[in-house]
Amino acid sequence: MSRSITVEYTINPPASSGQSYELSTTKKHEFAIRGSLAESGQSEHYKSLREGIAQARQEVGEELTAWRDAVGKAELNKETKKPQTDDEEDEEENDA
């Protein structure tokens, strides 16, 4: 029996941005774990597990970072709050 680490995720980007993204919203990865505890011994088995987890972390992390960057740029392009002018600031000071 083959052992592996499986990571599957679905991204639901904000619909309010009205933007379509070139990135895939659904991904599934399988990272093979070499050997088994009985075949390779405890030390080698855990070494293989650590390598598989590190590979999964690296690959999924890069993909999620790409999503964060894409959505972040879209959020920055949204309408921002209008900065106050000097006249508005003076009015607030007079009210106080």
Protein backbone atom coordinates (compact mmCIF):
# COMPACT_ATOMS: atom_id res chain seq x y z
CA MET A 1 0.00 0.00 0.00
CA SER A 2 1.37 3.37 -1.02
CA ARG A 3 1.44 6.07 1.62
CA SER A 4 1.01 9.75 0.86
CA ILE A 5 0.03 13.09 2.28
CA THR A 6 -2.99 14.58 0.52
CA VAL A 7 -3.78 18.29 0.55
CA GLU A 8 -6.94 19.54 -1.12
CA TYR A 9 -8.39 23.03 -0.97
CA THR A 10 -10.93 25.31 -2.63
CA ILE A 11 -10.52 29.09 -2.71
CA ASN A 12 -13.60 31.30 -2.64
CA PRO A 13 -12.38 34.76 -3.68
CA PRO A 14 -14.53 37.75 -2.74
CA ALA A 15 -17.38 38.15 -5.20
CA SER A 16 -17.59 41.86 -4.48
CA SER A 17 -14.39 42.53 -6.42
CA GLY A 18 -16.09 41.59 -9.70
CA GLN A 19 -12.74 40.37 -10.96
CA SER A 20 -11.90 36.99 -12.43
CA TYR A 21 -8.61 35.43 -11.44
CA GLU A 22 -6.29 33.39 -13.63
CA LEU A 23 -5.45 31.09 -10.72
CA SER A 24 -7.15 27.76 -10.18
CA THR A 25 -9.70 27.87 -7.35
CA THR A 26 -9.44 24.15 -6.58
CA LYS A 27 -6.28 22.13 -6.11
CA LYS A 28 -5.42 18.66 -4.91
CA HIS A 29 -1.89 17.47 -4.22
CA GLU A 30 -0.50 14.12 -3.17
CA PHE A 31 2.98 13.88 -1.73
CA ALA A 32 4.41 10.37 -1.61
CA ILE A 33 5.90 8.98 1.57
CA ARG A 34 8.65 6.48 0.82
CA GLY A 35 8.54 3.11 2.51
CA SER A 36 6.70 2.26 5.67
CA LEU A 37 7.54 1.99 9.33
CA ALA A 38 7.91 -1.80 9.05
CA GLU A 39 10.07 -1.65 5.89
CA SER A 40 12.48 1.18 6.65
CA GLY A 41 12.55 1.56 10.41
CA GLN A 42 11.34 4.36 12.58
CA SER A 43 14.10 6.86 11.85
CA GLU A 44 13.84 6.61 8.04
CA HIS A 45 10.05 6.57 8.15
CA TYR A 46 9.86 9.80 10.15
CA LYS A 47 12.52 11.39 7.96
CA SER A 48 10.36 10.59 4.92
CA LEU A 49 7.29 12.02 6.67
CA ARG A 50 9.14 15.25 7.48
CA GLU A 51 10.27 15.58 3.86
CA GLY A 52 6.72 15.03 2.58
CA ILE A 53 5.29 17.58 4.99
CA ALA A 54 7.97 20.12 4.06
CA GLN A 55 7.27 19.62 0.36
CA ALA A 56 3.51 20.01 0.92
CA ARG A 57 4.03 23.15 2.98
CA GLN A 58 6.30 24.69 0.36
CA GLU A 59 4.08 23.98 -2.64
CA VAL A 60 0.74 24.87 -1.03
CA GLY A 61 2.29 27.93 0.60
CA GLU A 62 3.46 29.25 -2.77
CA GLU A 63 0.01 28.75 -4.28
CA LEU A 64 -1.78 30.44 -1.39
CA THR A 65 0.69 33.33 -1.47
CA ALA A 66 -0.15 33.84 -5.16
CA TRP A 67 -3.84 33.99 -4.21
CA ARG A 68 -3.15 36.42 -1.36
CA ASP A 69 -1.25 38.69 -3.73
CA ALA A 70 -3.95 38.54 -6.43
CA VAL A 71 -6.83 39.23 -4.04
CA GLY A 72 -4.82 41.88 -2.20
CA LYS A 73 -4.22 43.80 -5.42
CA ALA A 74 -7.92 43.59 -6.27
CA GLU A 75 -8.83 44.89 -2.80
CA LEU A 76 -6.43 47.82 -3.22
CA ASN A 77 -8.15 48.79 -6.45
CA LYS A 78 -11.48 49.14 -4.67
CA GLU A 79 -12.74 52.62 -3.93
CA THR A 80 -10.98 53.98 -0.88
CA LYS A 81 -12.32 56.40 1.69
CA LYS A 82 -12.03 59.98 0.49
CA PRO A 83 -9.34 61.82 2.48
CA GLN A 84 -10.45 64.88 4.40
CA THR A 85 -9.59 68.27 3.00
CA ASP A 86 -8.14 71.07 5.10
CA ASP A 87 -11.55 72.81 5.20
CA GLU A 88 -13.24 69.73 6.68
CA GLU A 89 -10.54 69.42 9.34
CA ASP A 90 -11.01 73.08 10.33
CA GLU A 91 -14.78 72.54 10.69
CA GLU A 92 -14.20 69.59 13.02
CA GLU A 93 -11.85 71.66 15.20
CA ASN A 94 -14.41 74.49 15.40
CA ASP A 95 -17.18 72.06 16.44
CA ALA A 96 -15.13 70.79 19.39
